[in-house]
C-alpha atoms as a PDB file:
ATOM      1  CA  UNK A   1       3.363   4.117   1.451  1.00  0.00           C
ATOM      2  CA  UNK A   2       1.308   2.406  -1.516  1.00  0.00           C
ATOM      3  CA  UNK A   3      -0.168  -0.660  -3.321  1.00  0.00           C
ATOM      4  CA  UNK A   4       1.878  -0.498  -6.743  1.00  0.00           C
ATOM      5  CA  UNK A   5       0.161  -3.109  -9.652  1.00  0.00           C
ATOM      6  CA  UNK A   6       3.423  -4.255 -11.213  1.00  0.00           C
ATOM      7  CA  UNK A   7       1.411  -6.089 -14.237  1.00  0.00           C
ATOM      8  CA  UNK A   8       0.381  -2.404 -15.089  1.00  0.00           C
ATOM      9  CA  UNK A   9       2.378  -0.122 -13.565  1.00  0.00           C
ATOM     10  CA  UNK A  10       0.061   1.689 -12.142  1.00  0.00           C
ATOM     11  CA  UNK A  11      -0.286   2.497  -8.247  1.00  0.00           C
ATOM     12  CA  UNK A  12      -3.761   0.695  -6.886  1.00  0.00           C
ATOM     13  CA  UNK A  13      -6.452   3.536  -6.734  1.00  0.00           C
ATOM     14  CA  UNK A  14      -7.371   3.864  -3.326  1.00  0.00           C
ATOM     15  CA  UNK A  15      -4.218   2.371  -1.328  1.00  0.00           C
ATOM     16  CA  UNK A  16      -2.351   5.335  -0.262  1.00  0.00           C
ATOM     17  CA  UNK A  17      -1.136   5.216   3.381  1.00  0.00           C
ATOM     18  CA  UNK A  18       1.013   7.540   5.543  1.00  0.00           C
ATOM     19  CA  UNK A  19       1.672   8.162   8.858  1.00  0.00           C
ATOM     20  CA  UNK A  20       3.987  10.475  10.893  1.00  0.00           C
ATOM     21  CA  UNK A  21       5.302   8.505  13.667  1.00  0.00           C
ATOM     22  CA  UNK A  22       7.907   6.756  14.488  1.00  0.00           C
ATOM     23  CA  UNK A  23       7.110   3.399  16.189  1.00  0.00           C
ATOM     24  CA  UNK A  24       5.037   0.687  13.698  1.00  0.00           C
ATOM     25  CA  UNK A  25       1.309   1.351  13.382  1.00  0.00           C
ATOM     26  CA  UNK A  26      -1.871  -0.178  12.187  1.00  0.00           C
ATOM     27  CA  UNK A  27      -3.171   2.121   9.063  1.00  0.00           C
ATOM     28  CA  UNK A  28      -6.206   1.601   6.980  1.00  0.00           C
ATOM     29  CA  UNK A  29      -6.871   2.451   3.331  1.00  0.00           C
ATOM     30  CA  UNK A  30      -9.375   3.733   1.666  1.00  0.00           C
ATOM     31  CA  UNK A  31     -11.363   0.707  -0.487  1.00  0.00           C
ATOM     32  CA  UNK A  32      -9.298  -0.550  -3.086  1.00  0.00           C
ATOM     33  CA  UNK A  33     -10.151  -0.487  -7.113  1.00  0.00           C
ATOM     34  CA  UNK A  34      -7.644  -3.664  -8.755  1.00  0.00           C
ATOM     35  CA  UNK A  35      -7.551  -4.242 -12.284  1.00  0.00           C
ATOM     36  CA  UNK A  36      -8.530  -7.467 -13.595  1.00  0.00           C
ATOM     37  CA  UNK A  37      -6.597 -10.287 -14.177  1.00  0.00           C
ATOM     38  CA  UNK A  38      -3.729 -12.440 -12.703  1.00  0.00           C
ATOM     39  CA  UNK A  39      -1.040  -8.962 -11.550  1.00  0.00           C
ATOM     40  CA  UNK A  40       1.832  -8.727  -8.995  1.00  0.00           C
ATOM     41  CA  UNK A  41       1.066  -6.604  -6.698  1.00  0.00           C
ATOM     42  CA  UNK A  42       3.958  -4.774  -4.752  1.00  0.00           C
ATOM     43  CA  UNK A  43       4.316  -2.724  -1.744  1.00  0.00           C
ATOM     44  CA  UNK A  44       6.288   0.840  -2.066  1.00  0.00           C
ATOM     45  CA  UNK A  45       7.027   3.076   0.236  1.00  0.00           C
ATOM     46  CA  UNK A  46       8.855   6.653   0.505  1.00  0.00           C
ATOM     47  CA  UNK A  47      10.496   8.623   3.519  1.00  0.00           C
ATOM     48  CA  UNK A  48       9.428  12.274   3.469  1.00  0.00           C
ATOM     49  CA  UNK A  49      11.997  12.972   6.402  1.00  0.00           C
ATOM     50  CA  UNK A  50      15.670  11.512   5.183  1.00  0.00           C
ATOM     51  CA  UNK A  51      15.134   8.451   7.801  1.00  0.00           C
ATOM     52  CA  UNK A  52      14.923   5.226   6.701  1.00  0.00           C
ATOM     53  CA  UNK A  53      10.981   3.869   6.260  1.00  0.00           C
ATOM     54  CA  UNK A  54      10.404  -0.231   6.894  1.00  0.00           C
ATOM     55  CA  UNK A  55       7.864  -2.412   6.274  1.00  0.00           C
ATOM     56  CA  UNK A  56       6.840  -5.242   9.311  1.00  0.00           C
ATOM     57  CA  UNK A  57       3.963  -6.868   7.391  1.00  0.00           C
ATOM     58  CA  UNK A  58       0.406  -6.210   5.775  1.00  0.00           C
ATOM     59  CA  UNK A  59      -2.168  -7.454   5.343  1.00  0.00           C
ATOM     60  CA  UNK A  60      -5.719  -7.281   2.577  1.00  0.00           C
ATOM     61  CA  UNK A  61      -8.674  -8.006   3.837  1.00  0.00           C
ATOM     62  CA  UNK A  62     -11.291  -8.490   1.256  1.00  0.00           C
ATOM     63  CA  UNK A  63     -14.659  -7.316   1.695  1.00  0.00           C
ATOM     64  CA  UNK A  64     -16.863  -8.527  -1.419  1.00  0.00           C
ATOM     65  CA  UNK A  65     -20.637  -6.429  -1.521  1.00  0.00           C
END
């Protein structure tokens, strides 16, 4: 799965995550880099096994350093 910037038609750098579990799991991405502006973001998912992949919920935690 990854976070996709639909405004600029690009994947958000650092947002790609993956898992091989068959149950819901919590996964952290690396630091994200967002483009400036008022953008629309979407979650993109892909299953490499042919089985259905599902997305239960998601959060973006913002840490300003």
